[in-house]
């Protein structure tokens, strides 16, 4: 229970930091695009990889 709460708090802190710090937002976006591309190498990975690429592209170009 405590671990789930801490995970949510840490995730919210990272999202907030990504919104306000441009360099961090672009770094996270590029990382998501790369990881999504790697995930798309398999058929089942494409289910996760394509949305990951889209979200990373959104963060990268905002």
C-alpha atoms as a PDB file:
ATOM      1  CA  UNK A   1       0.000   0.000   0.000  1.00  0.00           C
ATOM      2  CA  UNK A   2       2.746   2.412   0.959  1.00  0.00           C
ATOM      3  CA  UNK A   3       4.813   1.456  -2.082  1.00  0.00           C
ATOM      4  CA  UNK A   4       1.874   2.167  -4.393  1.00  0.00           C
ATOM      5  CA  UNK A   5       1.308   5.552  -2.806  1.00  0.00           C
ATOM      6  CA  UNK A   6       4.980   6.457  -3.097  1.00  0.00           C
ATOM      7  CA  UNK A   7       5.008   5.333  -6.724  1.00  0.00           C
ATOM      8  CA  UNK A   8       2.067   7.584  -7.536  1.00  0.00           C
ATOM      9  CA  UNK A   9       3.674  10.542  -5.743  1.00  0.00           C
ATOM     10  CA  UNK A  10       7.012  10.036  -7.519  1.00  0.00           C
ATOM     11  CA  UNK A  11       5.259   9.649 -10.879  1.00  0.00           C
ATOM     12  CA  UNK A  12       3.321  12.881 -10.276  1.00  0.00           C
ATOM     13  CA  UNK A  13       6.566  14.672  -9.384  1.00  0.00           C
ATOM     14  CA  UNK A  14       8.200  13.487 -12.614  1.00  0.00           C
ATOM     15  CA  UNK A  15       5.199  14.557 -14.700  1.00  0.00           C
ATOM     16  CA  UNK A  16       5.182  17.969 -13.038  1.00  0.00           C
ATOM     17  CA  UNK A  17       8.916  18.375 -13.617  1.00  0.00           C
ATOM     18  CA  UNK A  18       8.520  17.341 -17.250  1.00  0.00           C
ATOM     19  CA  UNK A  19       5.818  19.935 -17.801  1.00  0.00           C
ATOM     20  CA  UNK A  20       7.802  22.836 -16.350  1.00  0.00           C
ATOM     21  CA  UNK A  21      11.354  21.998 -17.490  1.00  0.00           C
ATOM     22  CA  UNK A  22      11.706  22.076 -21.282  1.00  0.00           C
ATOM     23  CA  UNK A  23      14.988  20.160 -21.477  1.00  0.00           C
ATOM     24  CA  UNK A  24      13.632  17.353 -19.306  1.00  0.00           C
ATOM     25  CA  UNK A  25      10.414  17.183 -21.340  1.00  0.00           C
ATOM     26  CA  UNK A  26      12.359  16.849 -24.587  1.00  0.00           C
ATOM     27  CA  UNK A  27      14.670  14.238 -23.084  1.00  0.00           C
ATOM     28  CA  UNK A  28      11.740  12.143 -21.857  1.00  0.00           C
ATOM     29  CA  UNK A  29      10.071  12.508 -25.265  1.00  0.00           C
ATOM     30  CA  UNK A  30      13.165  11.318 -27.112  1.00  0.00           C
ATOM     31  CA  UNK A  31      13.589   8.418 -24.696  1.00  0.00           C
ATOM     32  CA  UNK A  32       9.972   7.354 -25.210  1.00  0.00           C
ATOM     33  CA  UNK A  33      10.339   7.505 -28.995  1.00  0.00           C
ATOM     34  CA  UNK A  34      13.458   5.319 -28.865  1.00  0.00           C
ATOM     35  CA  UNK A  35      11.925   2.810 -26.427  1.00  0.00           C
ATOM     36  CA  UNK A  36       8.725   2.689 -28.471  1.00  0.00           C
ATOM     37  CA  UNK A  37      10.748   1.963 -31.601  1.00  0.00           C
ATOM     38  CA  UNK A  38      12.544  -0.877 -29.868  1.00  0.00           C
ATOM     39  CA  UNK A  39       9.250  -2.255 -28.549  1.00  0.00           C
ATOM     40  CA  UNK A  40       7.772  -2.238 -32.077  1.00  0.00           C
ATOM     41  CA  UNK A  41      10.221  -4.902 -33.233  1.00  0.00           C
ATOM     42  CA  UNK A  42       7.702  -7.582 -32.281  1.00  0.00           C
ATOM     43  CA  UNK A  43       4.008  -7.772 -33.104  1.00  0.00           C
ATOM     44  CA  UNK A  44       2.901  -7.764 -29.476  1.00  0.00           C
ATOM     45  CA  UNK A  45       5.356  -4.997 -28.680  1.00  0.00           C
ATOM     46  CA  UNK A  46       3.692  -2.807 -31.298  1.00  0.00           C
ATOM     47  CA  UNK A  47       0.592  -2.672 -29.089  1.00  0.00           C
ATOM     48  CA  UNK A  48       2.651  -0.813 -26.489  1.00  0.00           C
ATOM     49  CA  UNK A  49       5.265   0.701 -28.804  1.00  0.00           C
ATOM     50  CA  UNK A  50       3.012   2.738 -31.093  1.00  0.00           C
ATOM     51  CA  UNK A  51       1.268   4.676 -28.277  1.00  0.00           C
ATOM     52  CA  UNK A  52       4.667   5.154 -26.634  1.00  0.00           C
ATOM     53  CA  UNK A  53       6.032   6.693 -29.827  1.00  0.00           C
ATOM     54  CA  UNK A  54       3.011   8.979 -30.112  1.00  0.00           C
ATOM     55  CA  UNK A  55       3.298  10.210 -26.520  1.00  0.00           C
ATOM     56  CA  UNK A  56       7.066  10.660 -26.898  1.00  0.00           C
ATOM     57  CA  UNK A  57       6.591  12.631 -30.105  1.00  0.00           C
ATOM     58  CA  UNK A  58       4.052  14.827 -28.387  1.00  0.00           C
ATOM     59  CA  UNK A  59       6.466  15.577 -25.549  1.00  0.00           C
ATOM     60  CA  UNK A  60       9.371  16.057 -27.939  1.00  0.00           C
ATOM     61  CA  UNK A  61       7.718  18.597 -30.200  1.00  0.00           C
ATOM     62  CA  UNK A  62       5.691  20.636 -27.673  1.00  0.00           C
END
